[in-house]
């Protein structure tokens, strides 16, 4: 009889986190949510930060809830978070301040500062990473140019999942998929881009050794194990960038014939490659080459996903109308199609604020009918996301020379059935939606590989297919969507 394993996955998103306990009997994975908590950025003196100590408190709460409910026999723990953000430690391993939030405005103007020192093309050729204002390299450049003394006093830089791993184990290592998001890692050589960082006057002695998904970081420290009522169990370096974990869970059979969307606050849309694509076409489309499990490459595009709907919902709540996502979807389905369209990645939509007003201003500026109702606005967003996905697929096919016939959507965004259907309609491809808990599942699969519970990712993906339902959406009304896509391109590109 095969052993039954218990894996504890901590999955931190940009607005919430959870502790998911997975039980694996060798064939089927079952998930149980043990703890859920909010992840709220804090604005202090005009800067946006993460409340890192409270988040570590929540990690301990998740472990305690397992121990107190009879699940002390956890085999290992894995942590994934968002990318790019980091904490700094001094020579005594004390935390130097609260880590900055990637939506903080301190990186404004850093593109020009960086490109004056190193040409844009050179940065891309070395790192393979798309240009996003929040990348770690621009955060550190901002710190350096502003004379931030914490950088001068730093002995170690750890990205957010690596920082939590350090709090648990006392071991300071950097996980590959997380390092790859920074635009400071050489995607071909699998080492830090030392020459690039030297030209930007960013210190390299604060960087740690890089480890890969499936390696053991270390064991829970003795004093923590005693406090939490568990053994000194191992902490595994999973694909600790949350998209890396989400992609690991995609239940695909032939990876050469699928394109994925990890759907949540962001839509991360891409394909799996064996090596980086740093072609001129990749640079033109601003595609990125982030690390994946088994040193694979997640060749993808960051798209402003459900953030637009989430931020609109928050604005309406501030105005006194608390509406569920289901109700907003109902109103959007009742709205007239294709009357208003936007580019979801327009600069005006990047920061928190009154999103409905910004969408109306965008439509007015582009000479379109201004959406009036909440249903009009949500439908405008959903349709526009579908067209952004189609444009991205066309670019992927052009740059890779490969045809992709199926779109696999994983993550919390699949709960929005309207967007799943609109994605099928807009892309003219079948959409396979599921699993919803993709990031936690991918986290678990790498833990299972580390413990020898599965032999490789293919076996893990087979377990996903055996454990979770997949919903298929077929394209509808193709002629109308084709015509609207041409309209979207004229307006938005």
Protein backbone atom coordinates (compact mmCIF):
# COMPACT_ATOMS: atom_id res chain seq x y z
CA UNK A 1 0.00 0.00 0.00
CA UNK A 2 1.44 3.36 -1.01
CA UNK A 3 2.14 6.07 1.55
CA UNK A 4 -0.32 8.95 1.94
CA UNK A 5 1.48 12.28 2.02
CA UNK A 6 0.48 15.59 3.55
CA UNK A 7 1.83 18.77 1.99
CA UNK A 8 1.17 22.27 3.35
CA UNK A 9 1.17 24.96 0.66
CA UNK A 10 1.21 28.66 1.51
CA UNK A 11 0.01 30.75 -1.41
CA UNK A 12 0.27 34.53 -1.16
CA UNK A 13 -1.52 36.70 -3.67
CA UNK A 14 -1.51 40.46 -3.98
CA UNK A 15 -4.65 40.81 -1.83
CA UNK A 16 -4.95 37.61 0.22
CA UNK A 17 -3.16 34.47 1.29
CA UNK A 18 -4.09 30.98 2.39
CA UNK A 19 -2.69 27.80 3.84
CA UNK A 20 -3.83 24.76 1.84
CA UNK A 21 -3.31 21.24 3.16
CA UNK A 22 -3.01 18.68 0.38
CA UNK A 23 -3.38 14.94 0.89
CA UNK A 24 -1.92 12.74 -1.86
CA UNK A 25 -2.41 8.99 -2.00
CA UNK A 26 -0.28 8.43 -5.08
CA UNK A 27 -3.11 8.98 -7.55
CA UNK A 28 -5.42 11.72 -6.32
CA UNK A 29 -4.87 15.08 -4.66
CA UNK A 30 -7.39 16.48 -2.19
CA UNK A 31 -7.17 20.04 -0.87
CA UNK A 32 -8.40 21.55 2.37
CA UNK A 33 -8.18 25.23 3.19
CA UNK A 34 -6.78 25.50 6.70
CA UNK A 35 -6.34 29.26 6.97
CA UNK A 36 -7.17 32.32 4.90
CA UNK A 37 -6.13 35.90 5.57
CA UNK A 38 -6.03 39.29 3.90
CA UNK A 39 -2.82 40.74 2.51
CA UNK A 40 -3.21 44.48 2.79
CA UNK A 41 -0.60 46.96 1.62
CA UNK A 42 0.10 49.78 4.04
CA UNK A 43 0.69 53.39 2.95
CA UNK A 44 3.25 55.05 5.23
CA UNK A 45 4.42 58.60 4.57
CA UNK A 46 3.45 58.36 0.92
CA UNK A 47 5.07 54.97 0.25
CA UNK A 48 3.34 51.61 -0.17
CA UNK A 49 4.70 48.66 1.84
CA UNK A 50 3.93 45.03 2.70
CA UNK A 51 3.20 44.20 6.35
CA UNK A 52 5.73 41.38 6.33
CA UNK A 53 5.73 40.56 10.05
CA UNK A 54 1.96 40.13 10.10
CA UNK A 55 2.23 37.89 7.06
CA UNK A 56 4.74 35.70 8.86
CA UNK A 57 2.35 35.62 11.82
CA UNK A 58 -0.29 34.29 9.42
CA UNK A 59 2.11 31.55 8.25
CA UNK A 60 2.50 30.44 11.86
CA UNK A 61 -1.29 30.55 12.31
CA UNK A 62 -1.70 28.26 9.30
CA UNK A 63 0.76 25.75 10.74
CA UNK A 64 -0.88 25.95 14.18
CA UNK A 65 -4.33 25.28 12.70
CA UNK A 66 -2.97 22.13 11.07
CA UNK A 67 -1.33 20.98 14.29
CA UNK A 68 -4.41 21.71 16.39
CA UNK A 69 -6.75 19.88 14.00
CA UNK A 70 -4.81 16.62 14.08
CA UNK A 71 -2.58 17.25 11.06
CA UNK A 72 0.78 17.44 12.82
CA UNK A 73 2.21 14.79 10.48
CA UNK A 74 2.92 17.21 7.63
CA UNK A 75 5.66 15.94 5.33
CA UNK A 76 6.88 19.36 4.20
CA UNK A 77 5.97 22.99 3.56
CA UNK A 78 6.23 25.15 0.43
CA UNK A 79 5.67 28.89 0.01
CA UNK A 80 4.86 30.86 -3.14
CA UNK A 81 4.20 34.58 -3.50
CA UNK A 82 4.05 37.31 -6.11
CA UNK A 83 7.29 38.33 -7.81
CA UNK A 84 9.86 41.16 -7.79
CA UNK A 85 9.47 42.46 -4.20
CA UNK A 86 12.14 41.84 -1.56
CA UNK A 87 13.36 42.49 1.97
CA UNK A 88 16.82 43.56 3.07
CA UNK A 89 18.74 42.11 6.03
CA UNK A 90 21.67 43.72 7.84
CA UNK A 91 24.89 42.01 8.94
CA UNK A 92 23.07 40.54 11.95
CA UNK A 93 20.20 39.23 9.77
CA UNK A 94 17.82 41.88 11.11
CA UNK A 95 15.16 43.13 8.72
CA UNK A 96 15.80 46.65 7.46
CA UNK A 97 12.32 48.15 7.25
CA UNK A 98 9.14 46.91 5.61
CA UNK A 99 9.49 45.67 2.02
CA UNK A 100 8.11 48.01 -0.63
CA UNK A 101 4.98 47.10 -2.59
CA UNK A 102 5.50 46.78 -6.34
CA UNK A 103 2.78 49.38 -6.98
CA UNK A 104 4.72 52.03 -5.05
CA UNK A 105 5.51 55.03 -7.23
CA UNK A 106 9.24 55.26 -6.44
CA UNK A 107 10.14 53.57 -9.74
CA UNK A 108 8.64 56.39 -11.83
CA UNK A 109 11.26 57.66 -14.28
CA UNK A 110 13.61 54.73 -13.68
CA UNK A 111 13.34 53.44 -17.26
CA UNK A 112 15.07 56.57 -18.55
CA UNK A 113 17.69 56.42 -15.79
CA UNK A 114 18.45 52.76 -16.52
CA UNK A 115 18.55 53.09 -20.30
CA UNK A 116 20.95 56.02 -20.02
CA UNK A 117 23.40 53.61 -18.37
CA UNK A 118 22.60 50.40 -20.28
CA UNK A 119 20.69 50.20 -23.59
CA UNK A 120 17.25 48.62 -23.36
CA UNK A 121 18.19 45.96 -25.90
CA UNK A 122 21.21 44.91 -23.85
CA UNK A 123 19.12 44.50 -20.70
CA UNK A 124 16.69 42.28 -22.58
CA UNK A 125 19.37 40.17 -24.25
CA UNK A 126 20.95 39.42 -20.87
CA UNK A 127 17.84 38.79 -18.82
CA UNK A 128 15.09 37.92 -21.29
CA UNK A 129 12.66 39.75 -19.01
CA UNK A 130 9.95 42.12 -20.22
CA UNK A 131 10.03 45.75 -19.18
CA UNK A 132 7.69 46.42 -16.28
CA UNK A 133 8.00 49.52 -14.10
CA UNK A 134 7.93 47.40 -10.93
CA UNK A 135 10.80 45.01 -11.75
CA UNK A 136 13.31 44.62 -8.95
CA UNK A 137 16.09 46.15 -10.99
CA UNK A 138 14.23 49.49 -11.15
CA UNK A 139 13.30 49.33 -7.46
CA UNK A 140 16.97 48.93 -6.53
CA UNK A 141 18.06 51.59 -9.00
CA UNK A 142 15.57 53.96 -7.39
CA UNK A 143 16.98 53.14 -3.95
CA UNK A 144 20.52 53.73 -5.16
CA UNK A 145 19.77 57.04 -6.86
CA UNK A 146 17.72 58.35 -3.94
CA UNK A 147 20.50 57.65 -1.46
CA UNK A 148 18.41 55.10 0.48
CA UNK A 149 20.63 54.18 3.46
CA UNK A 150 18.96 50.78 3.90
CA UNK A 151 20.63 49.62 0.69
CA UNK A 152 24.01 50.82 2.00
CA UNK A 153 23.48 48.89 5.24
CA UNK A 154 22.14 45.72 3.61
CA UNK A 155 24.08 42.48 3.79
CA UNK A 156 21.46 40.24 2.15
CA UNK A 157 18.56 40.65 -0.28
CA UNK A 158 15.81 38.03 -0.14
CA UNK A 159 12.68 37.98 -2.30
CA UNK A 160 9.42 37.59 -0.42
CA UNK A 161 9.11 33.75 -0.48
CA UNK A 162 12.83 33.43 0.28
CA UNK A 163 12.40 35.82 3.21
CA UNK A 164 9.59 33.71 4.66
CA UNK A 165 11.70 30.57 4.13
CA UNK A 166 14.51 32.29 6.04
CA UNK A 167 12.18 33.17 8.91
CA UNK A 168 11.18 29.48 9.10
CA UNK A 169 14.58 27.83 8.65
CA UNK A 170 17.33 30.40 9.14
CA UNK A 171 18.67 29.54 5.67
CA UNK A 172 19.27 32.32 3.13
CA UNK A 173 18.80 31.13 -0.46
CA UNK A 174 17.12 32.54 -3.58
CA UNK A 175 14.72 30.36 -5.54
CA UNK A 176 15.15 30.34 -9.33
CA UNK A 177 11.64 31.21 -10.55
CA UNK A 178 11.47 34.17 -8.17
CA UNK A 179 14.96 35.39 -9.12
CA UNK A 180 13.98 35.27 -12.76
CA UNK A 181 11.25 37.91 -12.28
CA UNK A 182 13.74 40.53 -11.08
CA UNK A 183 15.30 41.40 -14.47
CA UNK A 184 18.65 40.85 -12.72
CA UNK A 185 19.16 37.17 -13.62
CA UNK A 186 20.85 35.91 -16.80
CA UNK A 187 18.23 33.58 -18.25
CA UNK A 188 20.68 31.71 -20.49
CA UNK A 189 23.63 31.37 -18.10
CA UNK A 190 21.48 30.66 -15.02
CA UNK A 191 23.38 33.13 -12.86
CA UNK A 192 23.01 36.70 -11.68
CA UNK A 193 23.62 39.26 -14.44
CA UNK A 194 26.70 40.63 -12.68
CA UNK A 195 27.96 42.84 -15.51
CA UNK A 196 24.55 44.47 -15.95
CA UNK A 197 24.18 45.15 -12.23
CA UNK A 198 27.68 46.61 -12.03
CA UNK A 199 26.86 49.09 -14.81
CA UNK A 200 23.78 50.20 -12.85
CA UNK A 201 25.77 50.44 -9.60
CA UNK A 202 23.49 47.89 -7.95
CA UNK A 203 25.35 45.84 -5.31
CA UNK A 204 25.81 42.15 -6.09
CA UNK A 205 27.29 41.07 -2.76
CA UNK A 206 23.80 41.15 -1.24
CA UNK A 207 22.58 38.39 -3.58
CA UNK A 208 22.54 34.77 -2.41
CA UNK A 209 23.07 31.41 -4.09
CA UNK A 210 20.22 30.31 -6.36
CA UNK A 211 18.41 27.01 -5.78
CA UNK A 212 15.80 25.31 -7.97
CA UNK A 213 12.25 24.01 -7.50
CA UNK A 214 12.31 20.71 -5.65
CA UNK A 215 15.41 21.45 -3.56
CA UNK A 216 15.19 21.47 0.23
CA UNK A 217 15.81 24.92 1.73
CA UNK A 218 16.20 23.58 5.27
CA UNK A 219 14.22 22.31 8.24
CA UNK A 220 11.96 24.30 10.55
CA UNK A 221 14.08 25.85 13.30
CA UNK A 222 13.92 23.95 16.64
CA UNK A 223 12.40 26.86 18.58
CA UNK A 224 9.69 27.33 15.93
CA UNK A 225 8.92 23.62 15.79
CA UNK A 226 8.42 23.65 19.56
CA UNK A 227 6.26 26.79 19.41
CA UNK A 228 4.06 25.37 16.64
CA UNK A 229 3.81 21.81 17.94
CA UNK A 230 5.30 20.12 14.89
CA UNK A 231 8.46 18.25 13.99
CA UNK A 232 11.42 19.96 12.31
CA UNK A 233 9.91 19.24 8.93
CA UNK A 234 11.61 20.30 5.68
CA UNK A 235 10.75 23.49 3.83
CA UNK A 236 10.89 22.92 0.07
CA UNK A 237 11.80 25.49 -2.57
CA UNK A 238 8.75 25.18 -4.78
CA UNK A 239 8.24 27.27 -7.91
CA UNK A 240 7.99 30.12 -5.47
CA UNK A 241 6.82 32.72 -7.97
CA UNK A 242 3.07 32.11 -7.90
CA UNK A 243 2.75 32.00 -11.68
CA UNK A 244 5.49 29.37 -11.80
CA UNK A 245 3.43 27.22 -9.45
CA UNK A 246 0.22 27.90 -11.37
CA UNK A 247 1.78 26.87 -14.69
CA UNK A 248 3.15 23.69 -13.10
CA UNK A 249 -0.45 22.64 -12.38
CA UNK A 250 -1.79 23.06 -15.93
CA UNK A 251 -3.20 19.58 -16.71
CA UNK A 252 -1.88 19.45 -20.26
CA UNK A 253 -0.83 16.30 -22.11
CA UNK A 254 1.14 17.86 -24.99
CA UNK A 255 2.82 21.09 -23.91
CA UNK A 256 3.66 21.98 -27.51
CA UNK A 257 -0.01 22.56 -28.31
CA UNK A 258 -1.26 24.73 -25.51
CA UNK A 259 -1.15 28.27 -24.32
CA UNK A 260 -2.02 29.09 -20.73
CA UNK A 261 -3.53 31.95 -18.79
CA UNK A 262 -2.95 32.11 -15.07
CA UNK A 263 -5.98 34.23 -14.30
CA UNK A 264 -6.31 36.44 -11.26
CA UNK A 265 -5.47 40.06 -10.47
CA UNK A 266 -3.02 39.70 -13.35
CA UNK A 267 -3.46 37.54 -16.44
CA UNK A 268 -0.16 35.80 -17.15
CA UNK A 269 -0.48 34.38 -20.65
CA UNK A 270 2.16 32.27 -22.31
CA UNK A 271 3.72 28.97 -23.30
CA UNK A 272 6.41 26.65 -21.97
CA UNK A 273 9.79 26.66 -23.71
CA UNK A 274 12.98 24.70 -23.14
CA UNK A 275 15.20 27.76 -23.50
CA UNK A 276 14.78 31.56 -23.53
CA UNK A 277 13.47 33.34 -26.62
CA UNK A 278 15.31 36.69 -26.72
CA UNK A 279 14.55 37.44 -30.36
CA UNK A 280 13.76 40.89 -31.70
CA UNK A 281 10.14 39.79 -31.97
CA UNK A 282 10.03 38.90 -28.27
CA UNK A 283 11.38 42.35 -27.42
CA UNK A 284 8.91 44.04 -29.77
CA UNK A 285 5.92 42.33 -28.09
CA UNK A 286 7.48 42.82 -24.62
CA UNK A 287 7.30 39.09 -23.91
CA UNK A 288 9.19 37.77 -20.92
CA UNK A 289 11.26 34.65 -20.18
CA UNK A 290 10.64 33.70 -16.56
CA UNK A 291 11.86 30.52 -14.91
CA UNK A 292 9.76 27.41 -14.42
CA UNK A 293 10.02 23.93 -12.95
CA UNK A 294 12.90 21.83 -14.31
CA UNK A 295 14.64 25.01 -15.51
CA UNK A 296 11.93 25.47 -18.13
CA UNK A 297 11.03 28.92 -19.44
CA UNK A 298 7.65 30.54 -18.99
CA UNK A 299 7.52 32.63 -22.16
CA UNK A 300 4.66 34.93 -21.35
CA UNK A 301 3.00 38.31 -21.33
CA UNK A 302 1.81 40.20 -18.25
CA UNK A 303 -1.71 41.46 -18.92
CA UNK A 304 -3.75 43.62 -16.55
CA UNK A 305 -6.28 40.92 -15.69
CA UNK A 306 -9.15 40.99 -13.22
CA UNK A 307 -7.54 43.98 -11.48
CA UNK A 308 -9.75 46.26 -13.58
CA UNK A 309 -12.95 44.59 -12.35
CA UNK A 310 -11.67 44.24 -8.78
CA UNK A 311 -10.71 47.92 -8.60
CA UNK A 312 -14.04 48.97 -10.12
CA UNK A 313 -15.87 46.86 -7.53
CA UNK A 314 -13.84 48.54 -4.76
CA UNK A 315 -14.77 51.99 -6.10
CA UNK A 316 -18.47 51.14 -6.16
CA UNK A 317 -18.15 49.84 -2.59
CA UNK A 318 -16.58 53.16 -1.56
CA UNK A 319 -19.61 54.83 -3.08
CA UNK A 320 -21.90 52.68 -0.93
CA UNK A 321 -22.83 49.86 -3.35
CA UNK A 322 -21.53 46.44 -2.31
CA UNK A 323 -22.08 44.18 -5.33
CA UNK A 324 -20.98 40.57 -5.69
CA UNK A 325 -18.95 39.44 -8.68
CA UNK A 326 -21.89 37.23 -9.69
CA UNK A 327 -24.19 40.25 -9.77
CA UNK A 328 -21.70 42.28 -11.79
CA UNK A 329 -21.38 39.40 -14.26
CA UNK A 330 -25.18 39.23 -14.56
CA UNK A 331 -25.36 42.94 -15.33
CA UNK A 332 -22.52 42.69 -17.84
CA UNK A 333 -24.20 39.85 -19.70
CA UNK A 334 -27.30 42.01 -20.00
CA UNK A 335 -25.34 44.97 -21.43
CA UNK A 336 -25.06 45.66 -25.17
CA UNK A 337 -21.97 44.08 -26.80
CA UNK A 338 -18.95 45.88 -28.27
CA UNK A 339 -20.10 49.46 -27.63
CA UNK A 340 -16.98 50.40 -25.64
CA UNK A 341 -13.48 48.89 -25.75
CA UNK A 342 -10.20 49.58 -23.95
CA UNK A 343 -6.60 48.46 -23.89
CA UNK A 344 -6.43 46.79 -20.45
CA UNK A 345 -2.68 47.52 -20.29
CA UNK A 346 -2.98 51.27 -20.81
CA UNK A 347 -0.87 53.25 -18.33
CA UNK A 348 -3.95 54.97 -16.92
CA UNK A 349 -5.18 51.66 -15.43
CA UNK A 350 -2.01 50.64 -13.58
CA UNK A 351 -2.49 52.21 -10.15
CA UNK A 352 -5.30 52.06 -7.57
CA UNK A 353 -8.07 54.60 -7.86
CA UNK A 354 -11.42 55.34 -9.46
CA UNK A 355 -11.29 52.76 -12.25
CA UNK A 356 -14.83 53.32 -13.63
CA UNK A 357 -14.02 57.01 -14.14
CA UNK A 358 -10.72 56.18 -15.85
CA UNK A 359 -12.46 53.75 -18.21
CA UNK A 360 -15.04 56.39 -19.11
CA UNK A 361 -12.26 58.92 -19.72
CA UNK A 362 -10.44 56.44 -21.96
CA UNK A 363 -13.57 55.84 -24.03
CA UNK A 364 -14.28 59.56 -24.30
CA UNK A 365 -10.68 60.25 -25.36
CA UNK A 366 -10.85 57.55 -28.07
CA UNK A 367 -14.17 58.79 -29.48
CA UNK A 368 -16.31 55.87 -28.33
CA UNK A 369 -19.63 55.61 -26.59
CA UNK A 370 -18.97 56.23 -22.90
CA UNK A 371 -20.12 53.28 -20.75
CA UNK A 372 -22.76 54.44 -18.31
CA UNK A 373 -23.87 51.52 -16.17
CA UNK A 374 -21.86 49.07 -14.08
CA UNK A 375 -22.83 46.34 -16.53
CA UNK A 376 -21.50 48.44 -19.43
CA UNK A 377 -18.16 48.90 -17.67
CA UNK A 378 -17.69 45.26 -16.68
CA UNK A 379 -18.65 44.09 -20.18
CA UNK A 380 -16.22 46.60 -21.67
CA UNK A 381 -13.43 45.16 -19.50
CA UNK A 382 -14.30 41.51 -20.18
CA UNK A 383 -14.54 41.91 -23.96
CA UNK A 384 -11.33 43.93 -24.07
CA UNK A 385 -9.47 41.28 -22.08
CA UNK A 386 -10.59 38.68 -24.63
CA UNK A 387 -9.20 40.77 -27.47
CA UNK A 388 -5.96 41.40 -25.58
CA UNK A 389 -5.61 37.62 -25.20
CA UNK A 390 -6.17 37.11 -28.94
CA UNK A 391 -3.58 39.72 -29.83
CA UNK A 392 -1.11 38.04 -27.46
CA UNK A 393 -1.73 34.60 -28.97
CA UNK A 394 -1.12 35.95 -32.45
CA UNK A 395 2.14 37.47 -31.25
CA UNK A 396 3.18 34.23 -29.54
CA UNK A 397 2.54 32.24 -32.70
CA UNK A 398 4.47 34.75 -34.79
CA UNK A 399 7.49 34.80 -32.48
CA UNK A 400 7.66 31.05 -31.72
CA UNK A 401 6.52 29.73 -35.11
CA UNK A 402 4.13 27.38 -33.30
CA UNK A 403 0.35 27.05 -33.59
CA UNK A 404 -1.61 26.89 -30.34
CA UNK A 405 -5.11 25.43 -30.59
CA UNK A 406 -6.24 25.27 -26.95
CA UNK A 407 -6.21 27.95 -24.25
CA UNK A 408 -5.85 26.55 -20.74
CA UNK A 409 -7.06 28.94 -18.04
CA UNK A 410 -6.16 28.17 -14.44
CA UNK A 411 -6.61 30.07 -11.19
CA UNK A 412 -9.37 32.00 -9.48
CA UNK A 413 -10.36 33.81 -12.67
CA UNK A 414 -12.10 30.69 -13.99
CA UNK A 415 -14.92 31.39 -11.53
CA UNK A 416 -15.93 34.15 -13.95
CA UNK A 417 -17.71 32.04 -16.56
CA UNK A 418 -18.44 35.07 -18.72
CA UNK A 419 -14.74 35.88 -19.15
CA UNK A 420 -13.97 32.23 -19.92
CA UNK A 421 -16.63 32.23 -22.65
CA UNK A 422 -15.53 35.62 -23.97
CA UNK A 423 -11.95 34.31 -24.15
CA UNK A 424 -13.11 31.38 -26.29
CA UNK A 425 -15.16 33.73 -28.47
CA UNK A 426 -12.42 36.31 -28.93
CA UNK A 427 -9.55 33.87 -29.51
CA UNK A 428 -11.61 31.44 -31.64
CA UNK A 429 -10.10 28.59 -29.64
CA UNK A 430 -11.47 26.08 -27.17
CA UNK A 431 -10.88 27.12 -23.58
CA UNK A 432 -10.16 24.47 -20.96
CA UNK A 433 -10.79 26.03 -17.54
CA UNK A 434 -9.37 24.50 -14.38
CA UNK A 435 -8.17 23.85 -11.80
CA UNK A 436 -9.20 26.89 -9.78
CA UNK A 437 -6.62 26.34 -7.02
CA UNK A 438 -3.84 26.15 -9.59
CA UNK A 439 -1.11 27.91 -7.63
CA UNK A 440 -1.56 25.81 -4.50
CA UNK A 441 -1.69 22.64 -6.59
CA UNK A 442 1.51 23.49 -8.47
CA UNK A 443 3.15 24.27 -5.14
CA UNK A 444 2.08 20.82 -3.91
CA UNK A 445 3.35 19.04 -7.03
CA UNK A 446 6.88 20.33 -6.50
CA UNK A 447 6.73 19.30 -2.83
CA UNK A 448 5.63 15.84 -4.01
CA UNK A 449 8.59 15.69 -6.40
CA UNK A 450 10.96 16.67 -3.59
CA UNK A 451 9.61 13.92 -1.32
CA UNK A 452 9.63 11.25 -4.06
CA UNK A 453 5.84 10.96 -4.08
CA UNK A 454 5.86 11.53 -7.86
CA UNK A 455 8.75 11.09 -10.26
CA UNK A 456 8.26 14.16 -12.45
CA UNK A 457 5.94 16.96 -13.52
CA UNK A 458 4.22 14.85 -16.18
CA UNK A 459 3.14 12.39 -13.49
CA UNK A 460 2.00 15.30 -11.35
CA UNK A 461 -0.09 16.79 -14.14
CA UNK A 462 -1.70 13.39 -14.65
CA UNK A 463 -2.66 13.46 -10.97
CA UNK A 464 -4.21 16.91 -11.50
CA UNK A 465 -6.32 15.58 -14.39
CA UNK A 466 -7.40 12.72 -12.14
CA UNK A 467 -8.29 15.00 -9.23
CA UNK A 468 -10.02 18.14 -10.52
CA UNK A 469 -12.80 18.99 -12.98
CA UNK A 470 -11.99 20.82 -16.21
CA UNK A 471 -14.72 22.85 -17.97
CA UNK A 472 -14.55 23.31 -21.76
CA UNK A 473 -15.85 26.46 -23.49
CA UNK A 474 -16.24 26.42 -27.28
CA UNK A 475 -16.12 29.59 -29.42
CA UNK A 476 -19.44 31.25 -30.28
CA UNK A 477 -20.54 34.05 -32.65
CA UNK A 478 -17.17 34.14 -34.40
CA UNK A 479 -18.15 36.61 -37.14
CA UNK A 480 -19.32 39.25 -34.67
CA UNK A 481 -16.23 38.81 -32.50
CA UNK A 482 -13.94 39.00 -35.55
CA UNK A 483 -15.46 42.33 -36.57
CA UNK A 484 -15.22 43.69 -33.03
CA UNK A 485 -11.58 42.59 -32.81
CA UNK A 486 -10.72 44.71 -35.83
CA UNK A 487 -12.47 47.63 -34.14
CA UNK A 488 -10.49 46.99 -30.92
CA UNK A 489 -7.16 47.01 -32.80
CA UNK A 490 -7.94 50.35 -34.45
CA UNK A 491 -8.88 51.92 -31.13
CA UNK A 492 -6.34 50.39 -28.79
CA UNK A 493 -3.11 49.67 -30.64
